[in-house]
Every structure is written in C-alpha cells, then in structure tokens.
C-alpha cells in the first residue's frame, strides 16, 4: 500500500499524528489512546499495514 493511502485511511478513521521522527511518524487513535509507528517509506507492505491497523485497533482492510 502506498504511504499516502495509509495516511489518508488513518485520518479518515480519526487518527492523528502526535510525533514526527527521522524514520517513523507516531500516530494516535484518540478513541482508545493506542499508538503505532508508521514508517516513512513510499510503499508499505500489506502485512505491515495489517499490523499497524491492529495496533491502532481499527480492524483489517
């Protein structure tokens, strides 16, 4: 999945960025206070996207 598509998905679900890092950005799901790092690669493997969504408690694709 492209990173911009993942960020758009996270924003649509209500998640917000809480910190920029050199290699990752940290996103927060304000509904349950769960956090997940999002790598700064153009392409993010689908297996990693599933892990990120699970960490943020957003379900699956």
Protein backbone atom coordinates (compact mmCIF):
# COMPACT_ATOMS: atom_id res chain seq x y z
CA UNK A 1 0.00 0.00 0.00
CA UNK A 2 1.26 3.47 -0.71
CA UNK A 3 2.07 5.53 2.37
CA UNK A 4 -0.19 8.41 1.32
CA UNK A 5 -3.13 5.98 1.03
CA UNK A 6 -2.43 4.62 4.52
CA UNK A 7 -2.21 8.13 5.98
CA UNK A 8 -5.49 9.05 4.29
CA UNK A 9 -7.10 5.91 5.75
CA UNK A 10 -5.82 6.72 9.24
CA UNK A 11 -7.03 10.32 9.02
CA UNK A 12 -10.46 9.16 7.85
CA UNK A 13 -10.66 6.85 10.89
CA UNK A 14 -9.90 9.78 13.23
CA UNK A 15 -6.25 9.01 13.95
CA UNK A 16 -3.83 11.88 14.25
CA UNK A 17 -0.09 12.33 14.18
CA UNK A 18 1.48 13.03 17.53
CA UNK A 19 5.19 13.00 16.67
CA UNK A 20 7.43 13.17 13.61
CA UNK A 21 10.59 11.11 13.69
CA UNK A 22 13.52 10.64 11.38
CA UNK A 23 12.36 7.22 10.16
CA UNK A 24 8.83 6.89 11.57
CA UNK A 25 5.84 9.02 12.48
CA UNK A 26 3.79 8.10 15.53
CA UNK A 27 0.01 8.06 15.12
CA UNK A 28 -2.59 8.01 17.89
CA UNK A 29 -6.12 6.67 17.83
CA UNK A 30 -7.85 9.11 20.21
CA UNK A 31 -10.83 6.78 20.67
CA UNK A 32 -8.74 4.26 22.63
CA UNK A 33 -5.35 6.02 23.14
CA UNK A 34 -3.47 3.34 21.14
CA UNK A 35 -0.33 4.35 19.24
CA UNK A 36 1.54 2.93 16.26
CA UNK A 37 4.69 3.90 14.35
CA UNK A 38 4.27 4.49 10.60
CA UNK A 39 7.47 4.10 8.55
CA UNK A 40 8.48 6.79 6.09
CA UNK A 41 8.70 4.51 3.05
CA UNK A 42 6.78 5.19 -0.15
CA UNK A 43 5.46 1.63 -0.17
CA UNK A 44 4.40 -0.18 2.99
CA UNK A 45 3.90 -3.96 2.72
CA UNK A 46 0.33 -5.14 3.25
CA UNK A 47 1.46 -7.38 6.11
CA UNK A 48 2.80 -4.31 7.95
CA UNK A 49 -0.38 -2.35 7.22
CA UNK A 50 -2.39 -5.11 8.91
CA UNK A 51 -0.10 -4.94 11.96
CA UNK A 52 -0.46 -1.15 12.13
CA UNK A 53 -4.24 -1.34 11.91
CA UNK A 54 -4.28 -3.99 14.64
CA UNK A 55 -2.04 -1.85 16.88
CA UNK A 56 -4.43 1.08 16.47
CA UNK A 57 -7.43 -1.25 16.97
CA UNK A 58 -9.01 -0.28 13.61
CA UNK A 59 -9.73 -3.77 12.25
CA UNK A 60 -8.47 -5.02 8.91
CA UNK A 61 -8.55 -3.85 5.31
